[in-house]
Amino acid sequence: MIEEEGIVVETTGGLAKVSILAKSACEKCASSEVCHPQGEDSYMEASNPLGAKKGQKVKVMVAPQVYLKASIILYGIPMTVFIAAAIIGKNLAQKFSGEASSDLWAFISGMTLMVVSFFFLRRYNQKVEKTQEYKPVIVEILG
């Protein structure tokens, strides 16, 4: 399970906006500036079944299956589309114009359809944002 600790900044209905705290392990990490830039807070919107209030320290969790599913959707679909479109584009280019420019057509078709897949994923994301399916959940109030 992916767990983070944070402080509730705002609550609305059954949701809470949580400011994620940098962990002690982050201090030694070379990429810590990417996750927690200095002077910038990172926020996460989480489901609030425990009724956490503003200012409380909470533990937020994302189930591994949700994280895996989201990763596959975000990365797997565009890469699969890119590879399939490149193969189809190369085969069609070889059939109609010969070997000379088939690699170029493979690249163009792969990139074009991958960009199109990002538009579809964006529309899917807008639909999913309205549901609780991929939202992290506050599982414990720490203080």
N, C-alpha and C. Protein backbone atom coordinates (compact mmCIF):
# COMPACT_ATOMS: atom_id res chain seq x y z
N MET A 1 0.82 -1.17 0.00
CA MET A 1 0.00 0.00 0.00
C MET A 1 0.87 1.25 0.00
N ILE A 2 0.45 2.23 -0.71
CA ILE A 2 1.18 3.48 -0.78
C ILE A 2 0.57 4.43 0.24
N GLU A 3 1.38 4.80 1.22
CA GLU A 3 0.89 5.64 2.31
C GLU A 3 1.70 6.92 2.38
N GLU A 4 1.02 8.01 2.68
CA GLU A 4 1.65 9.31 2.88
C GLU A 4 1.04 9.94 4.11
N GLU A 5 1.78 10.78 4.77
CA GLU A 5 1.25 11.54 5.88
C GLU A 5 1.12 12.98 5.43
N GLY A 6 0.09 13.63 5.96
CA GLY A 6 -0.12 15.02 5.59
C GLY A 6 -1.01 15.73 6.59
N ILE A 7 -1.24 16.99 6.33
CA ILE A 7 -2.08 17.81 7.19
C ILE A 7 -3.27 18.28 6.36
N VAL A 8 -4.46 18.12 6.93
CA VAL A 8 -5.68 18.54 6.24
C VAL A 8 -5.69 20.06 6.15
N VAL A 9 -5.81 20.58 4.94
CA VAL A 9 -5.82 22.01 4.69
C VAL A 9 -7.25 22.53 4.56
N GLU A 10 -8.11 21.69 4.00
CA GLU A 10 -9.48 22.12 3.70
C GLU A 10 -10.36 20.89 3.57
N THR A 11 -11.61 21.01 4.00
CA THR A 11 -12.56 19.91 3.82
C THR A 11 -13.82 20.44 3.15
N THR A 12 -14.36 19.65 2.24
CA THR A 12 -15.63 19.95 1.60
C THR A 12 -16.37 18.65 1.39
N GLY A 13 -17.52 18.52 2.00
CA GLY A 13 -18.30 17.29 1.88
C GLY A 13 -17.50 16.11 2.39
N GLY A 14 -17.39 15.09 1.59
CA GLY A 14 -16.66 13.88 1.97
C GLY A 14 -15.23 13.88 1.48
N LEU A 15 -14.72 15.05 1.06
CA LEU A 15 -13.36 15.14 0.54
C LEU A 15 -12.51 16.06 1.42
N ALA A 16 -11.21 15.83 1.40
CA ALA A 16 -10.28 16.68 2.13
C ALA A 16 -9.09 16.99 1.23
N LYS A 17 -8.63 18.22 1.30
CA LYS A 17 -7.41 18.62 0.61
C LYS A 17 -6.29 18.48 1.63
N VAL A 18 -5.31 17.62 1.31
CA VAL A 18 -4.26 17.27 2.26
C VAL A 18 -2.91 17.75 1.73
N SER A 19 -2.17 18.48 2.57
CA SER A 19 -0.81 18.90 2.25
C SER A 19 0.12 17.76 2.66
N ILE A 20 0.84 17.21 1.70
CA ILE A 20 1.70 16.06 1.94
C ILE A 20 3.01 16.50 2.57
N LEU A 21 3.41 15.82 3.63
CA LEU A 21 4.65 16.13 4.33
C LEU A 21 5.81 15.36 3.72
N ALA A 22 6.95 16.02 3.62
CA ALA A 22 8.16 15.34 3.13
C ALA A 22 8.64 14.39 4.20
N LYS A 23 9.01 13.18 3.80
CA LYS A 23 9.50 12.17 4.75
C LYS A 23 10.98 12.38 5.01
N SER A 24 11.48 11.81 6.09
CA SER A 24 12.91 11.95 6.43
C SER A 24 13.78 11.30 5.36
N ALA A 25 13.27 10.27 4.71
CA ALA A 25 14.04 9.61 3.65
C ALA A 25 14.22 10.54 2.46
N CYS A 26 13.34 11.52 2.32
CA CYS A 26 13.41 12.46 1.20
C CYS A 26 14.66 13.33 1.27
N GLU A 27 15.17 13.57 2.47
CA GLU A 27 16.33 14.44 2.63
C GLU A 27 17.55 13.87 1.91
N LYS A 28 17.66 12.55 1.84
CA LYS A 28 18.82 11.90 1.24
C LYS A 28 18.61 11.60 -0.25
N CYS A 29 17.42 11.79 -0.72
CA CYS A 29 17.09 11.43 -2.10
C CYS A 29 17.51 12.54 -3.06
N ALA A 30 18.12 12.15 -4.17
CA ALA A 30 18.56 13.11 -5.17
C ALA A 30 17.39 13.77 -5.88
N SER A 31 16.25 13.11 -5.90
CA SER A 31 15.07 13.63 -6.60
C SER A 31 14.09 14.33 -5.67
N SER A 32 14.49 14.64 -4.46
CA SER A 32 13.54 15.22 -3.51
C SER A 32 13.01 16.57 -3.95
N GLU A 33 13.79 17.31 -4.72
CA GLU A 33 13.33 18.62 -5.21
C GLU A 33 12.19 18.48 -6.21
N VAL A 34 12.09 17.34 -6.86
CA VAL A 34 11.01 17.11 -7.81
C VAL A 34 9.70 16.87 -7.07
N CYS A 35 9.74 16.04 -6.03
CA CYS A 35 8.53 15.70 -5.28
C CYS A 35 8.09 16.83 -4.35
N HIS A 36 9.05 17.43 -3.67
CA HIS A 36 8.75 18.47 -2.68
C HIS A 36 9.65 19.68 -2.93
N PRO A 37 9.34 20.49 -3.97
CA PRO A 37 10.17 21.67 -4.23
C PRO A 37 10.15 22.61 -3.03
N GLN A 38 11.26 23.30 -2.80
CA GLN A 38 11.34 24.22 -1.66
C GLN A 38 10.31 25.33 -1.81
N GLY A 39 9.62 25.60 -0.71
CA GLY A 39 8.65 26.67 -0.70
C GLY A 39 7.31 26.30 -1.32
N GLU A 40 7.21 25.12 -1.87
CA GLU A 40 5.96 24.70 -2.50
C GLU A 40 5.38 23.51 -1.75
N ASP A 41 4.10 23.57 -1.47
CA ASP A 41 3.44 22.43 -0.85
C ASP A 41 2.81 21.59 -1.94
N SER A 42 2.82 20.27 -1.74
CA SER A 42 2.11 19.41 -2.67
C SER A 42 0.81 18.99 -2.00
N TYR A 43 -0.26 19.07 -2.74
CA TYR A 43 -1.58 18.78 -2.22
C TYR A 43 -2.16 17.56 -2.91
N MET A 44 -3.03 16.90 -2.17
CA MET A 44 -3.72 15.74 -2.71
C MET A 44 -5.17 15.81 -2.23
N GLU A 45 -6.07 15.51 -3.12
CA GLU A 45 -7.48 15.44 -2.73
C GLU A 45 -7.78 14.00 -2.35
N ALA A 46 -8.30 13.81 -1.14
CA ALA A 46 -8.53 12.46 -0.64
C ALA A 46 -9.95 12.33 -0.11
N SER A 47 -10.47 11.12 -0.19
CA SER A 47 -11.76 10.80 0.40
C SER A 47 -11.60 10.85 1.92
N ASN A 48 -12.60 11.39 2.60
CA ASN A 48 -12.49 11.63 4.04
C ASN A 48 -13.58 10.89 4.82
N PRO A 49 -13.54 9.55 4.86
CA PRO A 49 -14.58 8.81 5.56
C PRO A 49 -14.51 8.95 7.08
N LEU A 50 -13.36 9.36 7.62
CA LEU A 50 -13.20 9.48 9.07
C LEU A 50 -13.60 10.85 9.59
N GLY A 51 -13.90 11.77 8.69
CA GLY A 51 -14.32 13.10 9.11
C GLY A 51 -13.19 13.94 9.68
N ALA A 52 -12.00 13.84 9.12
CA ALA A 52 -10.86 14.63 9.58
C ALA A 52 -11.17 16.12 9.40
N LYS A 53 -10.69 16.92 10.33
CA LYS A 53 -10.92 18.36 10.33
C LYS A 53 -9.66 19.10 9.89
N LYS A 54 -9.84 20.35 9.51
CA LYS A 54 -8.73 21.20 9.09
C LYS A 54 -7.68 21.27 10.20
N GLY A 55 -6.40 21.09 9.81
CA GLY A 55 -5.30 21.17 10.75
C GLY A 55 -4.87 19.83 11.34
N GLN A 56 -5.67 18.79 11.16
CA GLN A 56 -5.30 17.48 11.72
C GLN A 56 -4.28 16.78 10.83
N LYS A 57 -3.37 16.04 11.47
CA LYS A 57 -2.39 15.23 10.75
C LYS A 57 -3.04 13.89 10.45
N VAL A 58 -2.96 13.45 9.19
CA VAL A 58 -3.64 12.23 8.76
C VAL A 58 -2.71 11.33 7.96
N LYS A 59 -3.09 10.07 7.85
CA LYS A 59 -2.40 9.11 6.99
C LYS A 59 -3.32 8.85 5.80
N VAL A 60 -2.79 9.03 4.61
CA VAL A 60 -3.55 8.86 3.37
C VAL A 60 -2.99 7.65 2.65
N MET A 61 -3.88 6.81 2.12
CA MET A 61 -3.46 5.58 1.47
C MET A 61 -4.07 5.44 0.08
N VAL A 62 -3.28 4.89 -0.83
CA VAL A 62 -3.75 4.51 -2.16
C VAL A 62 -3.55 3.00 -2.25
N ALA A 63 -4.62 2.28 -2.54
CA ALA A 63 -4.53 0.82 -2.65
C ALA A 63 -3.62 0.45 -3.83
N PRO A 64 -2.82 -0.61 -3.68
CA PRO A 64 -1.89 -0.99 -4.75
C PRO A 64 -2.58 -1.31 -6.07
N GLN A 65 -3.75 -1.94 -6.00
CA GLN A 65 -4.43 -2.29 -7.25
C GLN A 65 -4.91 -1.04 -7.99
N VAL A 66 -5.29 0.00 -7.24
CA VAL A 66 -5.70 1.26 -7.86
C VAL A 66 -4.50 1.93 -8.49
N TYR A 67 -3.37 1.93 -7.78
CA TYR A 67 -2.13 2.53 -8.29
C TYR A 67 -1.68 1.80 -9.56
N LEU A 68 -1.74 0.48 -9.54
CA LEU A 68 -1.34 -0.31 -10.70
C LEU A 68 -2.26 -0.06 -11.89
N LYS A 69 -3.55 -0.04 -11.63
CA LYS A 69 -4.53 0.20 -12.70
C LYS A 69 -4.32 1.58 -13.32
N ALA A 70 -4.12 2.58 -12.49
CA ALA A 70 -3.90 3.95 -12.99
C ALA A 70 -2.61 4.02 -13.80
N SER A 71 -1.56 3.34 -13.35
CA SER A 71 -0.29 3.33 -14.07
C SER A 71 -0.43 2.67 -15.43
N ILE A 72 -1.16 1.57 -15.48
CA ILE A 72 -1.36 0.88 -16.76
C ILE A 72 -2.15 1.77 -17.72
N ILE A 73 -3.17 2.42 -17.21
CA ILE A 73 -3.97 3.31 -18.06
C ILE A 73 -3.12 4.47 -18.55
N LEU A 74 -2.37 5.08 -17.66
CA LEU A 74 -1.60 6.27 -18.01
C LEU A 74 -0.40 5.99 -18.91
N TYR A 75 0.30 4.88 -18.66
CA TYR A 75 1.50 4.58 -19.43
C TYR A 75 1.31 3.46 -20.44
N GLY A 76 0.58 2.43 -20.06
CA GLY A 76 0.45 1.25 -20.92
C GLY A 76 -0.34 1.50 -22.18
N ILE A 77 -1.46 2.19 -22.05
CA ILE A 77 -2.31 2.42 -23.22
C ILE A 77 -1.59 3.26 -24.28
N PRO A 78 -1.01 4.42 -23.92
CA PRO A 78 -0.31 5.20 -24.96
C PRO A 78 0.86 4.43 -25.61
N MET A 79 1.61 3.67 -24.82
CA MET A 79 2.73 2.93 -25.40
C MET A 79 2.25 1.80 -26.32
N THR A 80 1.17 1.14 -25.90
CA THR A 80 0.61 0.08 -26.74
C THR A 80 0.09 0.67 -28.05
N VAL A 81 -0.59 1.81 -27.96
CA VAL A 81 -1.10 2.47 -29.16
C VAL A 81 0.06 2.89 -30.06
N PHE A 82 1.11 3.45 -29.46
CA PHE A 82 2.28 3.87 -30.24
C PHE A 82 2.89 2.70 -31.00
N ILE A 83 3.12 1.60 -30.31
CA ILE A 83 3.77 0.44 -30.94
C ILE A 83 2.87 -0.15 -32.03
N ALA A 84 1.59 -0.32 -31.72
CA ALA A 84 0.66 -0.90 -32.71
C ALA A 84 0.55 0.00 -33.94
N ALA A 85 0.42 1.31 -33.72
CA ALA A 85 0.30 2.24 -34.85
C ALA A 85 1.59 2.29 -35.67
N ALA A 86 2.73 2.19 -35.01
CA ALA A 86 4.00 2.20 -35.74
C ALA A 86 4.13 0.95 -36.62
N ILE A 87 3.74 -0.20 -36.08
CA ILE A 87 3.81 -1.44 -36.86
C ILE A 87 2.86 -1.37 -38.05
N ILE A 88 1.63 -0.94 -37.79
CA ILE A 88 0.64 -0.84 -38.88
C ILE A 88 1.09 0.20 -39.90
N GLY A 89 1.59 1.36 -39.42
CA GLY A 89 2.06 2.40 -40.34
C GLY A 89 3.21 1.93 -41.20
N LYS A 90 4.14 1.19 -40.62
CA LYS A 90 5.28 0.67 -41.39
C LYS A 90 4.82 -0.34 -42.44
N ASN A 91 3.92 -1.24 -42.04
CA ASN A 91 3.41 -2.24 -42.99
C ASN A 91 2.66 -1.59 -44.14
N LEU A 92 1.83 -0.61 -43.83
CA LEU A 92 1.09 0.09 -44.89
C LEU A 92 2.02 0.88 -45.80
N ALA A 93 3.02 1.53 -45.21
CA ALA A 93 3.98 2.29 -46.02
C ALA A 93 4.77 1.37 -46.93
N GLN A 94 5.18 0.21 -46.44
CA GLN A 94 5.91 -0.74 -47.28
C GLN A 94 5.04 -1.23 -48.43
N LYS A 95 3.77 -1.42 -48.14
CA LYS A 95 2.84 -1.94 -49.16
C LYS A 95 2.60 -0.90 -50.27
N PHE A 96 2.46 0.38 -49.86
CA PHE A 96 2.06 1.39 -50.85
C PHE A 96 3.22 2.22 -51.41
N SER A 97 4.30 2.41 -50.65
CA SER A 97 5.37 3.27 -51.18
C SER A 97 6.75 2.64 -51.11
N GLY A 98 6.83 1.40 -50.73
CA GLY A 98 8.13 0.73 -50.69
C GLY A 98 8.85 0.95 -49.37
N GLU A 99 10.05 0.43 -49.29
CA GLU A 99 10.84 0.42 -48.06
C GLU A 99 11.44 1.79 -47.72
N ALA A 100 11.60 2.66 -48.72
CA ALA A 100 12.36 3.90 -48.55
C ALA A 100 11.90 4.76 -47.38
N SER A 101 10.64 5.01 -47.27
CA SER A 101 10.16 5.93 -46.23
C SER A 101 9.28 5.24 -45.19
N SER A 102 9.37 3.93 -45.10
CA SER A 102 8.48 3.21 -44.19
C SER A 102 8.76 3.51 -42.72
N ASP A 103 10.04 3.74 -42.37
CA ASP A 103 10.36 4.07 -40.98
C ASP A 103 9.79 5.43 -40.58
N LEU A 104 9.86 6.37 -41.49
CA LEU A 104 9.29 7.69 -41.23
C LEU A 104 7.79 7.60 -41.01
N TRP A 105 7.10 6.83 -41.85
CA TRP A 105 5.65 6.67 -41.70
C TRP A 105 5.31 5.91 -40.42
N ALA A 106 6.15 4.98 -40.02
CA ALA A 106 5.93 4.27 -38.76
C ALA A 106 6.01 5.24 -37.60
N PHE A 107 7.01 6.10 -37.62
CA PHE A 107 7.16 7.09 -36.55
C PHE A 107 5.99 8.08 -36.53
N ILE A 108 5.64 8.60 -37.68
CA ILE A 108 4.55 9.58 -37.77
C ILE A 108 3.23 8.98 -37.31
N SER A 109 2.92 7.79 -37.77
CA SER A 109 1.64 7.17 -37.38
C SER A 109 1.64 6.83 -35.90
N GLY A 110 2.76 6.33 -35.39
CA GLY A 110 2.85 6.01 -33.96
C GLY A 110 2.67 7.24 -33.09
N MET A 111 3.38 8.31 -33.41
CA MET A 111 3.28 9.54 -32.62
C MET A 111 1.89 10.17 -32.72
N THR A 112 1.34 10.19 -33.91
CA THR A 112 0.02 10.81 -34.10
C THR A 112 -1.05 10.08 -33.28
N LEU A 113 -1.06 8.77 -33.36
CA LEU A 113 -2.10 8.04 -32.63
C LEU A 113 -1.83 8.02 -31.13
N MET A 114 -0.57 8.12 -30.74
CA MET A 114 -0.28 8.22 -29.31
C MET A 114 -0.81 9.56 -28.76
N VAL A 115 -0.64 10.64 -29.50
CA VAL A 115 -1.18 11.93 -29.08
C VAL A 115 -2.70 11.87 -29.02
N VAL A 116 -3.32 11.22 -29.98
CA VAL A 116 -4.78 11.06 -29.97
C VAL A 116 -5.20 10.26 -28.73
N SER A 117 -4.42 9.25 -28.36
CA SER A 117 -4.77 8.46 -27.17
C SER A 117 -4.70 9.32 -25.91
N PHE A 118 -3.78 10.30 -25.87
CA PHE A 118 -3.72 11.20 -24.71
C PHE A 118 -4.98 12.06 -24.61
N PHE A 119 -5.55 12.46 -25.74
CA PHE A 119 -6.80 13.23 -25.69
C PHE A 119 -7.93 12.37 -25.12
N PHE A 120 -7.99 11.11 -25.55
CA PHE A 120 -9.02 10.21 -25.01
C PHE A 120 -8.79 9.95 -23.52
N LEU A 121 -7.53 9.80 -23.12
CA LEU A 121 -7.23 9.61 -21.70
C LEU A 121 -7.59 10.85 -20.89
N ARG A 122 -7.41 12.02 -21.45
CA ARG A 122 -7.79 13.26 -20.75
C ARG A 122 -9.30 13.30 -20.53
N ARG A 123 -10.06 12.92 -21.54
CA ARG A 123 -11.52 12.88 -21.39
C ARG A 123 -11.92 11.84 -20.35
N TYR A 124 -11.26 10.69 -20.36
CA TYR A 124 -11.53 9.65 -19.37
C TYR A 124 -11.19 10.16 -17.97
N ASN A 125 -10.08 10.88 -17.84
CA ASN A 125 -9.67 11.43 -16.56
C ASN A 125 -10.70 12.43 -16.03
N GLN A 126 -11.24 13.27 -16.89
CA GLN A 126 -12.26 14.23 -16.46
C GLN A 126 -13.50 13.51 -15.94
N LYS A 127 -13.84 12.39 -16.56
CA LYS A 127 -14.99 11.59 -16.11
C LYS A 127 -14.68 10.92 -14.77
N VAL A 128 -13.48 10.37 -14.63
CA VAL A 128 -13.10 9.64 -13.43
C VAL A 128 -12.92 10.58 -12.23
N GLU A 129 -12.49 11.82 -12.47
CA GLU A 129 -12.30 12.77 -11.37
C GLU A 129 -13.59 13.01 -10.59
N LYS A 130 -14.72 12.78 -11.23
CA LYS A 130 -16.01 12.99 -10.56
C LYS A 130 -16.40 11.80 -9.69
N THR A 131 -15.68 10.69 -9.81
CA THR A 131 -15.98 9.50 -9.01
C THR A 131 -14.95 9.34 -7.90
N GLN A 132 -15.14 8.37 -7.05
CA GLN A 132 -14.22 8.08 -5.95
C GLN A 132 -13.28 6.93 -6.28
N GLU A 133 -13.35 6.40 -7.49
CA GLU A 133 -12.63 5.17 -7.85
C GLU A 133 -11.12 5.26 -7.64
N TYR A 134 -10.49 6.35 -8.04
CA TYR A 134 -9.03 6.46 -7.97
C TYR A 134 -8.55 7.39 -6.86
N LYS A 135 -9.45 7.88 -6.04
CA LYS A 135 -9.07 8.83 -4.99
C LYS A 135 -8.36 8.12 -3.85
N PRO A 136 -7.33 8.75 -3.30
CA PRO A 136 -6.72 8.25 -2.08
C PRO A 136 -7.73 8.36 -0.94
N VAL A 137 -7.52 7.62 0.13
CA VAL A 137 -8.46 7.59 1.25
C VAL A 137 -7.71 7.91 2.54
N ILE A 138 -8.29 8.75 3.37
CA ILE A 138 -7.73 8.99 4.70
C ILE A 138 -8.08 7.77 5.54
N VAL A 139 -7.04 7.07 6.02
CA VAL A 139 -7.26 5.83 6.77
C VAL A 139 -7.02 5.97 8.27
N GLU A 140 -6.37 7.07 8.68
CA GLU A 140 -6.07 7.24 10.09
C GLU A 140 -5.84 8.72 10.38
N ILE A 141 -6.38 9.15 11.51
CA ILE A 141 -6.13 10.51 12.00
C ILE A 141 -5.02 10.40 13.04
N LEU A 142 -3.89 11.05 12.78
CA LEU A 142 -2.71 10.92 13.64
C LEU A 142 -2.67 11.98 14.74
N GLY A 143 -3.34 13.07 14.56
CA GLY A 143 -3.31 14.09 15.60
C GLY A 143 -3.86 15.40 15.18
